[in-house]
Amino acid sequence: MLTRSGKVCNDIVTVVALVAEAAASVAEPAPIKALRPVTRNLTEQWLVGQPSATLTGAKLPDCRQVLKYVLYLRQDPDNVIMKNEDIAYTVIDSVIVFWNMARIKVKYRQNCMFDLMAMWNE
């Protein structure tokens, strides 16, 4: 059997020592960090509650429901959207569906995004 230095090792003890040396030289992998907190108490947002994955209901969504949806999109690790404006456009598109079902006129999409960003910054 050849070692790293090219010497022949016939002794079992030498082979075991070389294997132990190689194993020690390998860096320890970083511990896996949980992407999401485990308990509901850790994920709860002040004044809003738990983030919500969808906007549901028979009524028009209120500010609290919209903010829950925004928080969900911001904290979602599977979400590829990074910028706040993109998240706001996604939320506005979801809210406009409800307003169109109620046949209520809606402002331009960009103006709605500015209003949502202003509400988020409050």
PDB file of N, CA and C in Angstrom:
ATOM      1  N   MET A   1       0.845  -1.172   0.000  1.00  0.00           N
ATOM      2  CA  MET A   1       0.000   0.000   0.000  1.00  0.00           C
ATOM      3  C   MET A   1       0.891   1.235   0.000  1.00  0.00           C
ATOM      4  N   LEU A   2       0.550   2.236  -0.817  1.00  0.00           N
ATOM      5  CA  LEU A   2       1.329   3.464  -0.903  1.00  0.00           C
ATOM      6  C   LEU A   2       0.710   4.550  -0.034  1.00  0.00           C
ATOM      7  N   THR A   3       1.549   5.369   0.586  1.00  0.00           N
ATOM      8  CA  THR A   3       1.086   6.496   1.382  1.00  0.00           C
ATOM      9  C   THR A   3       1.146   7.757   0.541  1.00  0.00           C
ATOM     10  N   ARG A   4       0.838   8.882   1.155  1.00  0.00           N
ATOM     11  CA  ARG A   4       0.894  10.164   0.446  1.00  0.00           C
ATOM     12  C   ARG A   4       2.314  10.493  -0.015  1.00  0.00           C
ATOM     13  N   SER A   5       3.261  10.126   0.804  1.00  0.00           N
ATOM     14  CA  SER A   5       4.645  10.440   0.454  1.00  0.00           C
ATOM     15  C   SER A   5       5.226   9.437  -0.537  1.00  0.00           C
ATOM     16  N   GLY A   6       4.475   8.379  -0.868  1.00  0.00           N
ATOM     17  CA  GLY A   6       4.931   7.400  -1.834  1.00  0.00           C
ATOM     18  C   GLY A   6       5.628   6.220  -1.206  1.00  0.00           C
ATOM     19  N   LYS A   7       5.733   6.164   0.130  1.00  0.00           N
ATOM     20  CA  LYS A   7       6.372   5.042   0.803  1.00  0.00           C
ATOM     21  C   LYS A   7       5.405   3.864   0.882  1.00  0.00           C
ATOM     22  N   VAL A   8       5.921   2.701   0.889  1.00  0.00           N
ATOM     23  CA  VAL A   8       5.112   1.493   0.992  1.00  0.00           C
ATOM     24  C   VAL A   8       4.902   1.175   2.469  1.00  0.00           C
ATOM     25  N   CYS A   9       3.627   0.926   2.857  1.00  0.00           N
ATOM     26  CA  CYS A   9       3.297   0.599   4.238  1.00  0.00           C
ATOM     27  C   CYS A   9       2.706  -0.802   4.271  1.00  0.00           C
ATOM     28  N   ASN A  10       3.345  -1.680   4.983  1.00  0.00           N
ATOM     29  CA  ASN A  10       2.821  -3.026   5.153  1.00  0.00           C
ATOM     30  C   ASN A  10       2.277  -3.218   6.557  1.00  0.00           C
ATOM     31  N   ASP A  11       2.543  -2.293   7.440  1.00  0.00           N
ATOM     32  CA  ASP A  11       2.156  -2.408   8.838  1.00  0.00           C
ATOM     33  C   ASP A  11       0.729  -1.874   9.009  1.00  0.00           C
ATOM     34  N   ILE A  12      -0.142  -2.611   9.649  1.00  0.00           N
ATOM     35  CA  ILE A  12      -1.536  -2.216   9.885  1.00  0.00           C
ATOM     36  C   ILE A  12      -1.592  -0.977  10.764  1.00  0.00           C
ATOM     37  N   VAL A  13      -0.752  -0.873  11.761  1.00  0.00           N
ATOM     38  CA  VAL A  13      -0.747   0.262  12.679  1.00  0.00           C
ATOM     39  C   VAL A  13      -0.435   1.538  11.906  1.00  0.00           C
ATOM     40  N   THR A  14       0.491   1.472  10.979  1.00  0.00           N
ATOM     41  CA  THR A  14       0.844   2.642  10.182  1.00  0.00           C
ATOM     42  C   THR A  14      -0.327   3.065   9.301  1.00  0.00           C
ATOM     43  N   VAL A  15      -1.017   2.084   8.729  1.00  0.00           N
ATOM     44  CA  VAL A  15      -2.176   2.384   7.882  1.00  0.00           C
ATOM     45  C   VAL A  15      -3.279   3.035   8.708  1.00  0.00           C
ATOM     46  N   VAL A  16      -3.545   2.523   9.895  1.00  0.00           N
ATOM     47  CA  VAL A  16      -4.573   3.094  10.772  1.00  0.00           C
ATOM     48  C   VAL A  16      -4.189   4.516  11.169  1.00  0.00           C
ATOM     49  N   ALA A  17      -2.911   4.741  11.457  1.00  0.00           N
ATOM     50  CA  ALA A  17      -2.452   6.079  11.828  1.00  0.00           C
ATOM     51  C   ALA A  17      -2.612   7.046  10.662  1.00  0.00           C
ATOM     52  N   LEU A  18      -2.327   6.593   9.455  1.00  0.00           N
ATOM     53  CA  LEU A  18      -2.492   7.450   8.281  1.00  0.00           C
ATOM     54  C   LEU A  18      -3.959   7.783   8.033  1.00  0.00           C
ATOM     55  N   VAL A  19      -4.827   6.812   8.225  1.00  0.00           N
ATOM     56  CA  VAL A  19      -6.267   7.062   8.056  1.00  0.00           C
ATOM     57  C   VAL A  19      -6.756   8.043   9.107  1.00  0.00           C
ATOM     58  N   ALA A  20      -6.310   7.894  10.346  1.00  0.00           N
ATOM     59  CA  ALA A  20      -6.706   8.812  11.411  1.00  0.00           C
ATOM     60  C   ALA A  20      -6.188  10.218  11.124  1.00  0.00           C
ATOM     61  N   GLU A  21      -4.966  10.306  10.594  1.00  0.00           N
ATOM     62  CA  GLU A  21      -4.399  11.609  10.240  1.00  0.00           C
ATOM     63  C   GLU A  21      -5.189  12.267   9.119  1.00  0.00           C
ATOM     64  N   ALA A  22      -5.587  11.487   8.142  1.00  0.00           N
ATOM     65  CA  ALA A  22      -6.371  12.031   7.034  1.00  0.00           C
ATOM     66  C   ALA A  22      -7.748  12.476   7.506  1.00  0.00           C
ATOM     67  N   ALA A  23      -8.344  11.702   8.413  1.00  0.00           N
ATOM     68  CA  ALA A  23      -9.653  12.074   8.933  1.00  0.00           C
ATOM     69  C   ALA A  23      -9.578  13.342   9.773  1.00  0.00           C
ATOM     70  N   ALA A  24      -8.495  13.531  10.496  1.00  0.00           N
ATOM     71  CA  ALA A  24      -8.340  14.725  11.324  1.00  0.00           C
ATOM     72  C   ALA A  24      -8.093  15.962  10.483  1.00  0.00           C
ATOM     73  N   SER A  25      -7.484  15.760   9.309  1.00  0.00           N
ATOM     74  CA  SER A  25      -7.191  16.925   8.470  1.00  0.00           C
ATOM     75  C   SER A  25      -8.416  17.446   7.735  1.00  0.00           C
ATOM     76  N   VAL A  26      -9.453  16.622   7.651  1.00  0.00           N
ATOM     77  CA  VAL A  26     -10.679  17.057   6.990  1.00  0.00           C
ATOM     78  C   VAL A  26     -11.418  18.002   7.926  1.00  0.00           C
ATOM     79  N   ALA A  27     -11.842  19.143   7.408  1.00  0.00           N
ATOM     80  CA  ALA A  27     -12.533  20.137   8.230  1.00  0.00           C
ATOM     81  C   ALA A  27     -13.913  19.621   8.616  1.00  0.00           C
ATOM     82  N   GLU A  28     -14.314  19.947   9.827  1.00  0.00           N
ATOM     83  CA  GLU A  28     -15.632  19.573  10.300  1.00  0.00           C
ATOM     84  C   GLU A  28     -16.688  20.373   9.541  1.00  0.00           C
ATOM     85  N   PRO A  29     -17.774  19.755   9.101  1.00  0.00           N
ATOM     86  CA  PRO A  29     -18.822  20.513   8.417  1.00  0.00           C
ATOM     87  C   PRO A  29     -19.531  21.440   9.399  1.00  0.00           C
ATOM     88  N   ALA A  30     -19.971  22.561   8.875  1.00  0.00           N
ATOM     89  CA  ALA A  30     -20.679  23.523   9.714  1.00  0.00           C
ATOM     90  C   ALA A  30     -22.009  22.917  10.142  1.00  0.00           C
ATOM     91  N   PRO A  31     -22.447  23.182  11.367  1.00  0.00           N
ATOM     92  CA  PRO A  31     -23.733  22.636  11.806  1.00  0.00           C
ATOM     93  C   PRO A  31     -24.856  23.220  10.960  1.00  0.00           C
ATOM     94  N   ILE A  32     -25.843  22.389  10.700  1.00  0.00           N
ATOM     95  CA  ILE A  32     -26.972  22.815   9.881  1.00  0.00           C
ATOM     96  C   ILE A  32     -27.850  23.746  10.706  1.00  0.00           C
ATOM     97  N   LYS A  33     -28.064  24.923  10.176  1.00  0.00           N
ATOM     98  CA  LYS A  33     -28.872  25.922  10.872  1.00  0.00           C
ATOM     99  C   LYS A  33     -30.312  25.806  10.381  1.00  0.00           C
ATOM    100  N   ALA A  34     -31.236  25.781  11.299  1.00  0.00           N
ATOM    101  CA  ALA A  34     -32.645  25.704  10.928  1.00  0.00           C
ATOM    102  C   ALA A  34     -33.049  26.987  10.213  1.00  0.00           C
ATOM    103  N   LEU A  35     -33.730  26.831   9.097  1.00  0.00           N
ATOM    104  CA  LEU A  35     -34.124  27.992   8.317  1.00  0.00           C
ATOM    105  C   LEU A  35     -35.316  28.707   8.937  1.00  0.00           C
ATOM    106  N   ARG A  36     -36.163  27.959   9.578  1.00  0.00           N
ATOM    107  CA  ARG A  36     -37.348  28.559  10.194  1.00  0.00           C
ATOM    108  C   ARG A  36     -37.390  28.202  11.675  1.00  0.00           C
ATOM    109  N   PRO A  37     -37.862  29.125  12.496  1.00  0.00           N
ATOM    110  CA  PRO A  37     -38.035  28.802  13.910  1.00  0.00           C
ATOM    111  C   PRO A  37     -39.069  27.696  14.082  1.00  0.00           C
ATOM    112  N   VAL A  38     -38.968  26.987  15.170  1.00  0.00           N
ATOM    113  CA  VAL A  38     -39.803  25.822  15.373  1.00  0.00           C
ATOM    114  C   VAL A  38     -41.149  26.184  15.977  1.00  0.00           C
ATOM    115  N   THR A  39     -41.190  27.103  16.916  1.00  0.00           N
ATOM    116  CA  THR A  39     -42.430  27.373  17.627  1.00  0.00           C
ATOM    117  C   THR A  39     -43.162  28.593  17.054  1.00  0.00           C
ATOM    118  N   ARG A  40     -44.462  28.617  17.291  1.00  0.00           N
ATOM    119  CA  ARG A  40     -45.260  29.754  16.827  1.00  0.00           C
ATOM    120  C   ARG A  40     -44.921  31.022  17.584  1.00  0.00           C
ATOM    121  N   ASN A  41     -44.509  30.884  18.828  1.00  0.00           N
ATOM    122  CA  ASN A  41     -44.168  32.054  19.628  1.00  0.00           C
ATOM    123  C   ASN A  41     -42.979  32.800  19.035  1.00  0.00           C
ATOM    124  N   LEU A  42     -42.041  32.078  18.427  1.00  0.00           N
ATOM    125  CA  LEU A  42     -40.871  32.717  17.837  1.00  0.00           C
ATOM    126  C   LEU A  42     -41.182  33.395  16.510  1.00  0.00           C
ATOM    127  N   THR A  43     -42.215  32.935  15.811  1.00  0.00           N
ATOM    128  CA  THR A  43     -42.541  33.509  14.501  1.00  0.00           C
ATOM    129  C   THR A  43     -43.590  34.604  14.584  1.00  0.00           C
ATOM    130  N   GLU A  44     -44.167  34.824  15.739  1.00  0.00           N
ATOM    131  CA  GLU A  44     -45.235  35.809  15.867  1.00  0.00           C
ATOM    132  C   GLU A  44     -44.677  37.230  15.768  1.00  0.00           C
ATOM    133  N   GLN A  45     -45.347  38.061  14.998  1.00  0.00           N
ATOM    134  CA  GLN A  45     -44.963  39.458  14.827  1.00  0.00           C
ATOM    135  C   GLN A  45     -45.864  40.330  15.700  1.00  0.00           C
ATOM    136  N   TRP A  46     -45.295  41.359  16.266  1.00  0.00           N
ATOM    137  CA  TRP A  46     -46.037  42.234  17.156  1.00  0.00           C
ATOM    138  C   TRP A  46     -47.128  42.973  16.384  1.00  0.00           C
ATOM    139  N   LEU A  47     -48.332  43.015  16.917  1.00  0.00           N
ATOM    140  CA  LEU A  47     -49.523  43.667  16.368  1.00  0.00           C
ATOM    141  C   LEU A  47     -50.079  43.017  15.114  1.00  0.00           C
ATOM    142  N   VAL A  48     -49.375  42.070  14.534  1.00  0.00           N
ATOM    143  CA  VAL A  48     -49.862  41.455  13.297  1.00  0.00           C
ATOM    144  C   VAL A  48     -50.201  39.993  13.522  1.00  0.00           C
ATOM    145  N   GLY A  49     -49.398  39.289  14.283  1.00  0.00           N
ATOM    146  CA  GLY A  49     -49.625  37.867  14.519  1.00  0.00           C
ATOM    147  C   GLY A  49     -48.732  37.022  13.631  1.00  0.00           C
ATOM    148  N   GLN A  50     -49.224  35.841  13.291  1.00  0.00           N
ATOM    149  CA  GLN A  50     -48.464  34.911  12.464  1.00  0.00           C
ATOM    150  C   GLN A  50     -48.492  35.340  11.002  1.00  0.00           C
ATOM    151  N   PRO A  51     -47.374  35.219  10.289  1.00  0.00           N
ATOM    152  CA  PRO A  51     -47.392  35.475   8.841  1.00  0.00           C
ATOM    153  C   PRO A  51     -48.326  34.492   8.149  1.00  0.00           C
ATOM    154  N   SER A  52     -49.003  34.971   7.115  1.00  0.00           N
ATOM    155  CA  SER A  52     -49.983  34.156   6.410  1.00  0.00           C
ATOM    156  C   SER A  52     -49.508  33.911   4.979  1.00  0.00           C
ATOM    157  N   ALA A  53     -49.670  32.672   4.504  1.00  0.00           N
ATOM    158  CA  ALA A  53     -49.179  32.299   3.178  1.00  0.00           C
ATOM    159  C   ALA A  53     -50.108  32.762   2.058  1.00  0.00           C
ATOM    160  N   THR A  54     -51.353  33.047   2.363  1.00  0.00           N
ATOM    161  CA  THR A  54     -52.305  33.458   1.327  1.00  0.00           C
ATOM    162  C   THR A  54     -53.247  34.512   1.871  1.00  0.00           C
ATOM    163  N   LEU A  55     -53.923  35.170   0.959  1.00  0.00           N
ATOM    164  CA  LEU A  55     -55.023  36.068   1.315  1.00  0.00           C
ATOM    165  C   LEU A  55     -56.312  35.319   1.028  1.00  0.00           C
ATOM    166  N   THR A  56     -57.084  35.067   2.069  1.00  0.00           N
ATOM    167  CA  THR A  56     -58.320  34.312   1.898  1.00  0.00           C
ATOM    168  C   THR A  56     -59.463  35.053   2.540  1.00  0.00           C
ATOM    169  N   GLY A  57     -60.672  34.616   2.238  1.00  0.00           N
ATOM    170  CA  GLY A  57     -61.858  35.176   2.850  1.00  0.00           C
ATOM    171  C   GLY A  57     -62.837  35.685   1.819  1.00  0.00           C
ATOM    172  N   ALA A  58     -64.032  36.010   2.302  1.00  0.00           N
ATOM    173  CA  ALA A  58     -65.079  36.509   1.426  1.00  0.00           C
ATOM    174  C   ALA A  58     -65.115  38.035   1.409  1.00  0.00           C
ATOM    175  N   LYS A  59     -64.415  38.653   2.341  1.00  0.00           N
ATOM    176  CA  LYS A  59     -64.388  40.110   2.413  1.00  0.00           C
ATOM    177  C   LYS A  59     -63.115  40.646   1.778  1.00  0.00           C
ATOM    178  N   LEU A  60     -63.080  41.954   1.615  1.00  0.00           N
ATOM    179  CA  LEU A  60     -61.856  42.586   1.136  1.00  0.00           C
ATOM    180  C   LEU A  60     -60.777  42.447   2.199  1.00  0.00           C
ATOM    181  N   PRO A  61     -59.536  42.190   1.803  1.00  0.00           N
ATOM    182  CA  PRO A  61     -58.468  42.041   2.806  1.00  0.00           C
ATOM    183  C   PRO A  61     -58.173  43.374   3.494  1.00  0.00           C
ATOM    184  N   ASP A  62     -58.005  43.329   4.805  1.00  0.00           N
ATOM    185  CA  ASP A  62     -57.669  44.540   5.539  1.00  0.00           C
ATOM    186  C   ASP A  62     -56.151  44.676   5.634  1.00  0.00           C
ATOM    187  N   CYS A  63     -55.713  45.750   6.245  1.00  0.00           N
ATOM    188  CA  CYS A  63     -54.273  46.041   6.336  1.00  0.00           C
ATOM    189  C   CYS A  63     -53.527  44.948   7.086  1.00  0.00           C
ATOM    190  N   ARG A  64     -54.155  44.391   8.107  1.00  0.00           N
ATOM    191  CA  ARG A  64     -53.499  43.359   8.899  1.00  0.00           C
ATOM    192  C   ARG A  64     -53.239  42.109   8.068  1.00  0.00           C
ATOM    193  N   GLN A  65     -54.247  41.683   7.276  1.00  0.00           N
ATOM    194  CA  GLN A  65     -54.052  40.515   6.423  1.00  0.00           C
ATOM    195  C   GLN A  65     -52.965  40.768   5.383  1.00  0.00           C
ATOM    196  N   VAL A  66     -52.940  41.966   4.834  1.00  0.00           N
ATOM    197  CA  VAL A  66     -51.943  42.307   3.821  1.00  0.00           C
ATOM    198  C   VAL A  66     -50.548  42.296   4.431  1.00  0.00           C
ATOM    199  N   LEU A  67     -50.399  42.843   5.633  1.00  0.00           N
ATOM    200  CA  LEU A  67     -49.095  42.843   6.291  1.00  0.00           C
ATOM    201  C   LEU A  67     -48.650  41.433   6.668  1.00  0.00           C
ATOM    202  N   LYS A  68     -49.590  40.559   7.038  1.00  0.00           N
ATOM    203  CA  LYS A  68     -49.244  39.169   7.318  1.00  0.00           C
ATOM    204  C   LYS A  68     -48.686  38.501   6.065  1.00  0.00           C
ATOM    205  N   TYR A  69     -49.294  38.796   4.923  1.00  0.00           N
ATOM    206  CA  TYR A  69     -48.835  38.220   3.666  1.00  0.00           C
ATOM    207  C   TYR A  69     -47.463  38.780   3.279  1.00  0.00           C
ATOM    208  N   VAL A  70     -47.250  40.070   3.504  1.00  0.00           N
ATOM    209  CA  VAL A  70     -45.944  40.683   3.226  1.00  0.00           C
ATOM    210  C   VAL A  70     -44.869  40.037   4.103  1.00  0.00           C
ATOM    211  N   LEU A  71     -45.154  39.852   5.381  1.00  0.00           N
ATOM    212  CA  LEU A  71     -44.190  39.228   6.288  1.00  0.00           C
ATOM    213  C   LEU A  71     -43.877  37.798   5.866  1.00  0.00           C
ATOM    214  N   TYR A  72     -44.896  37.074   5.398  1.00  0.00           N
ATOM    215  CA  TYR A  72     -44.656  35.711   4.937  1.00  0.00           C
ATOM    216  C   TYR A  72     -43.714  35.707   3.737  1.00  0.00           C
ATOM    217  N   LEU A  73     -43.951  36.601   2.778  1.00  0.00           N
ATOM    218  CA  LEU A  73     -43.102  36.641   1.589  1.00  0.00           C
ATOM    219  C   LEU A  73     -41.679  37.082   1.924  1.00  0.00           C
ATOM    220  N   ARG A  74     -41.517  37.965   2.899  1.00  0.00           N
ATOM    221  CA  ARG A  74     -40.181  38.425   3.279  1.00  0.00           C
ATOM    222  C   ARG A  74     -39.396  37.334   4.002  1.00  0.00           C
ATOM    223  N   GLN A  75     -40.080  36.481   4.775  1.00  0.00           N
ATOM    224  CA  GLN A  75     -39.395  35.475   5.587  1.00  0.00           C
ATOM    225  C   GLN A  75     -39.322  34.117   4.920  1.00  0.00           C
ATOM    226  N   ASP A  76     -39.968  33.930   3.785  1.00  0.00           N
ATOM    227  CA  ASP A  76     -40.026  32.635   3.123  1.00  0.00           C
ATOM    228  C   ASP A  76     -38.671  32.298   2.501  1.00  0.00           C
ATOM    229  N   PRO A  77     -38.010  31.224   2.944  1.00  0.00           N
ATOM    230  CA  PRO A  77     -36.701  30.893   2.367  1.00  0.00           C
ATOM    231  C   PRO A  77     -36.798  30.377   0.940  1.00  0.00           C
ATOM    232  N   ASP A  78     -37.945  29.848   0.555  1.00  0.00           N
ATOM    233  CA  ASP A  78     -38.113  29.354  -0.810  1.00  0.00           C
ATOM    234  C   ASP A  78     -38.403  30.474  -1.789  1.00  0.00           C
ATOM    235  N   ASN A  79     -38.645  31.659  -1.267  1.00  0.00           N
ATOM    236  CA  ASN A  79     -39.003  32.792  -2.110  1.00  0.00           C
ATOM    237  C   ASN A  79     -37.771  33.321  -2.830  1.00  0.00           C
ATOM    238  N   VAL A  80     -37.871  33.463  -4.137  1.00  0.00           N
ATOM    239  CA  VAL A  80     -36.739  33.972  -4.912  1.00  0.00           C
ATOM    240  C   VAL A  80     -36.805  35.490  -5.060  1.00  0.00           C
ATOM    241  N   ILE A  81     -37.915  36.082  -4.657  1.00  0.00           N
ATOM    242  CA  ILE A  81     -38.064  37.536  -4.736  1.00  0.00           C
ATOM    243  C   ILE A  81     -37.260  38.156  -3.603  1.00  0.00           C
ATOM    244  N   MET A  82     -36.416  39.113  -3.927  1.00  0.00           N
ATOM    245  CA  MET A  82     -35.580  39.700  -2.898  1.00  0.00           C
ATOM    246  C   MET A  82     -35.925  41.155  -2.601  1.00  0.00           C
ATOM    247  N   LYS A  83     -36.255  41.921  -3.613  1.00  0.00           N
ATOM    248  CA  LYS A  83     -36.453  43.349  -3.401  1.00  0.00           C
ATOM    249  C   LYS A  83     -37.847  43.615  -2.829  1.00  0.00           C
ATOM    250  N   ASN A  84     -37.943  44.656  -2.014  1.00  0.00           N
ATOM    251  CA  ASN A  84     -39.225  45.014  -1.412  1.00  0.00           C
ATOM    252  C   ASN A  84     -40.254  45.410  -2.461  1.00  0.00           C
ATOM    253  N   GLU A  85     -39.807  46.043  -3.535  1.00  0.00           N
ATOM    254  CA  GLU A  85     -40.747  46.455  -4.581  1.00  0.00           C
ATOM    255  C   GLU A  85     -41.379  45.242  -5.258  1.00  0.00           C
ATOM    256  N   ASP A  86     -40.594  44.191  -5.480  1.00  0.00           N
ATOM    257  CA  ASP A  86     -41.127  42.976  -6.088  1.00  0.00           C
ATOM    258  C   ASP A  86     -42.127  42.285  -5.172  1.00  0.00           C
ATOM    259  N   ILE A  87     -41.816  42.274  -3.881  1.00  0.00           N
ATOM    260  CA  ILE A  87     -42.755  41.705  -2.917  1.00  0.00           C
ATOM    261  C   ILE A  87     -44.035  42.527  -2.899  1.00  0.00           C
ATOM    262  N   ALA A  88     -43.909  43.850  -2.943  1.00  0.00           N
ATOM    263  CA  ALA A  88     -45.088  44.712  -2.929  1.00  0.00           C
ATOM    264  C   ALA A  88     -45.940  44.477  -4.172  1.00  0.00           C
ATOM    265  N   TYR A  89     -45.317  44.314  -5.329  1.00  0.00           N
ATOM    266  CA  TYR A  89     -46.081  44.050  -6.548  1.00  0.00           C
ATOM    267  C   TYR A  89     -46.810  42.707  -6.464  1.00  0.00           C
ATOM    268  N   THR A  90     -46.170  41.705  -5.877  1.00  0.00           N
ATOM    269  CA  THR A  90     -46.815  40.402  -5.714  1.00  0.00           C
ATOM    270  C   THR A  90     -48.036  40.508  -4.801  1.00  0.00           C
ATOM    271  N   VAL A  91     -47.893  41.243  -3.708  1.00  0.00           N
ATOM    272  CA  VAL A  91     -49.007  41.423  -2.769  1.00  0.00           C
ATOM    273  C   VAL A  91     -50.131  42.219  -3.428  1.00  0.00           C
ATOM    274  N   ILE A  92     -49.779  43.274  -4.147  1.00  0.00           N
ATOM    275  CA  ILE A  92     -50.792  44.100  -4.808  1.00  0.00           C
ATOM    276  C   ILE A  92     -51.561  43.289  -5.840  1.00  0.00           C
ATOM    277  N   ASP A  93     -50.876  42.433  -6.579  1.00  0.00           N
ATOM    278  CA  ASP A  93     -51.566  41.583  -7.548  1.00  0.00           C
ATOM    279  C   ASP A  93     -52.573  40.672  -6.863  1.00  0.00           C
ATOM    280  N   SER A  94     -52.247  40.187  -5.677  1.00  0.00           N
ATOM    281  CA  SER A  94     -53.174  39.329  -4.932  1.00  0.00           C
ATOM    282  C   SER A  94     -54.360  40.118  -4.397  1.00  0.00           C
ATOM    283  N   VAL A  95     -54.117  41.345  -3.955  1.00  0.00           N
ATOM    284  CA  VAL A  95     -55.195  42.167  -3.404  1.00  0.00           C
ATOM    285  C   VAL A  95     -56.129  42.654  -4.514  1.00  0.00           C
ATOM    286  N   ILE A  96     -55.579  42.960  -5.672  1.00  0.00           N
ATOM    287  CA  ILE A  96     -56.395  43.474  -6.781  1.00  0.00           C
ATOM    288  C   ILE A  96     -57.439  42.446  -7.207  1.00  0.00           C
ATOM    289  N   VAL A  97     -57.135  41.169  -7.067  1.00  0.00           N
ATOM    290  CA  VAL A  97     -58.112  40.123  -7.404  1.00  0.00           C
ATOM    291  C   VAL A  97     -59.379  40.301  -6.581  1.00  0.00           C
ATOM    292  N   PHE A  98     -59.232  40.558  -5.283  1.00  0.00           N
ATOM    293  CA  PHE A  98     -60.396  40.753  -4.413  1.00  0.00           C
ATOM    294  C   PHE A  98     -61.161  42.018  -4.792  1.00  0.00           C
ATOM    295  N   TRP A  99     -60.449  43.083  -5.073  1.00  0.00           N
ATOM    296  CA  TRP A  99     -61.104  44.334  -5.424  1.00  0.00           C
ATOM    297  C   TRP A  99     -61.840  44.211  -6.757  1.00  0.00           C
ATOM    298  N   ASN A 100     -61.274  43.465  -7.698  1.00  0.00           N
ATOM    299  CA  ASN A 100     -61.953  43.271  -8.980  1.00  0.00           C
ATOM    300  C   ASN A 100     -63.200  42.405  -8.826  1.00  0.00           C
ATOM    301  N   MET A 101     -63.175  41.418  -7.927  1.00  0.00           N
ATOM    302  CA  MET A 101     -64.377  40.610  -7.681  1.00  0.00           C
ATOM    303  C   MET A 101     -65.496  41.459  -7.098  1.00  0.00           C
ATOM    304  N   ALA A 102     -65.148  42.474  -6.304  1.00  0.00           N
ATOM    305  CA  ALA A 102     -66.149  43.370  -5.724  1.00  0.00           C
ATOM    306  C   ALA A 102     -66.513  44.497  -6.683  1.00  0.00           C
ATOM    307  N   ARG A 103     -65.904  44.516  -7.861  1.00  0.00           N
ATOM    308  CA  ARG A 103     -66.135  45.533  -8.901  1.00  0.00           C
ATOM    309  C   ARG A 103     -65.852  46.944  -8.387  1.00  0.00           C
ATOM    310  N   ILE A 104     -64.748  47.056  -7.654  1.00  0.00           N
ATOM    311  CA  ILE A 104     -64.302  48.351  -7.147  1.00  0.00           C
ATOM    312  C   ILE A 104     -63.141  48.806  -8.020  1.00  0.00           C
ATOM    313  N   LYS A 105     -63.179  50.077  -8.400  1.00  0.00           N
ATOM    314  CA  LYS A 105     -62.101  50.609  -9.225  1.00  0.00           C
ATOM    315  C   LYS A 105     -60.795  50.624  -8.417  1.00  0.00           C
ATOM    316  N   VAL A 106     -59.698  50.378  -9.134  1.00  0.00           N
ATOM    317  CA  VAL A 106     -58.390  50.280  -8.498  1.00  0.00           C
ATOM    318  C   VAL A 106     -57.458  51.285  -9.154  1.00  0.00           C
ATOM    319  N   LYS A 107     -56.563  51.861  -8.333  1.00  0.00           N
ATOM    320  CA  LYS A 107     -55.544  52.760  -8.878  1.00  0.00           C
ATOM    321  C   LYS A 107     -54.573  51.967  -9.736  1.00  0.00           C
ATOM    322  N   TYR A 108     -53.678  52.679 -10.390  1.00  0.00           N
ATOM    323  CA  TYR A 108     -52.632  52.011 -11.154  1.00  0.00           C
ATOM    324  C   TYR A 108     -51.792  51.151 -10.222  1.00  0.00           C
ATOM    325  N   ARG A 109     -51.248  50.101 -10.786  1.00  0.00           N
ATOM    326  CA  ARG A 109     -50.478  49.125 -10.010  1.00  0.00           C
ATOM    327  C   ARG A 109     -49.290  49.779  -9.309  1.00  0.00           C
ATOM    328  N   GLN A 110     -48.609  50.675  -9.974  1.00  0.00           N
ATOM    329  CA  GLN A 110     -47.437  51.323  -9.372  1.00  0.00           C
ATOM    330  C   GLN A 110     -47.851  52.207  -8.200  1.00  0.00           C
ATOM    331  N   ASN A 111     -48.964  52.914  -8.318  1.00  0.00           N
ATOM    332  CA  ASN A 111     -49.427  53.758  -7.208  1.00  0.00           C
ATOM    333  C   ASN A 111     -49.857  52.906  -6.014  1.00  0.00           C
ATOM    334  N   CYS A 112     -50.455  51.754  -6.297  1.00  0.00           N
ATOM    335  CA  CYS A 112     -50.804  50.845  -5.200  1.00  0.00           C
ATOM    336  C   CYS A 112     -49.543  50.342  -4.493  1.00  0.00           C
ATOM    337  N   MET A 113     -48.501  50.073  -5.280  1.00  0.00           N
ATOM    338  CA  MET A 113     -47.237  49.622  -4.696  1.00  0.00           C
ATOM    339  C   MET A 113     -46.655  50.705  -3.792  1.00  0.00           C
ATOM    340  N   PHE A 114     -46.716  51.967  -4.221  1.00  0.00           N
ATOM    341  CA  PHE A 114     -46.205  53.059  -3.391  1.00  0.00           C
ATOM    342  C   PHE A 114     -46.996  53.160  -2.085  1.00  0.00           C
ATOM    343  N   ASP A 115     -48.331  52.973  -2.150  1.00  0.00           N
ATOM    344  CA  ASP A 115     -49.147  53.016  -0.936  1.00  0.00           C
ATOM    345  C   ASP A 115     -48.785  51.873   0.012  1.00  0.00           C
ATOM    346  N   LEU A 116     -48.560  50.691  -0.549  1.00  0.00           N
ATOM    347  CA  LEU A 116     -48.185  49.550   0.294  1.00  0.00           C
ATOM    348  C   LEU A 116     -46.813  49.764   0.938  1.00  0.00           C
ATOM    349  N   MET A 117     -45.885  50.319   0.187  1.00  0.00           N
ATOM    350  CA  MET A 117     -44.563  50.610   0.737  1.00  0.00           C
ATOM    351  C   MET A 117     -44.647  51.672   1.837  1.00  0.00           C
ATOM    352  N   ALA A 118     -45.523  52.651   1.662  1.00  0.00           N
ATOM    353  CA  ALA A 118     -45.716  53.668   2.694  1.00  0.00           C
ATOM    354  C   ALA A 118     -46.319  53.049   3.958  1.00  0.00           C
ATOM    355  N   MET A 119     -47.280  52.127   3.774  1.00  0.00           N
ATOM    356  CA  MET A 119     -47.885  51.444   4.918  1.00  0.00           C
ATOM    357  C   MET A 119     -46.834  50.581   5.624  1.00  0.00           C
ATOM    358  N   TRP A 120     -45.959  49.924   4.854  1.00  0.00           N
ATOM    359  CA  TRP A 120     -44.911  49.088   5.442  1.00  0.00           C
ATOM    360  C   TRP A 120     -43.912  49.945   6.227  1.00  0.00           C
ATOM    361  N   ASN A 121     -43.601  51.130   5.747  1.00  0.00           N
ATOM    362  CA  ASN A 121     -42.616  51.985   6.398  1.00  0.00           C
ATOM    363  C   ASN A 121     -43.158  52.680   7.645  1.00  0.00           C
ATOM    364  N   GLU A 122     -44.461  52.653   7.859  1.00  0.00           N
ATOM    365  CA  GLU A 122     -45.039  53.304   9.048  1.00  0.00           C
ATOM    366  C   GLU A 122     -44.680  52.627  10.320  1.00  0.00           C
TER     367      GLU A 122
END
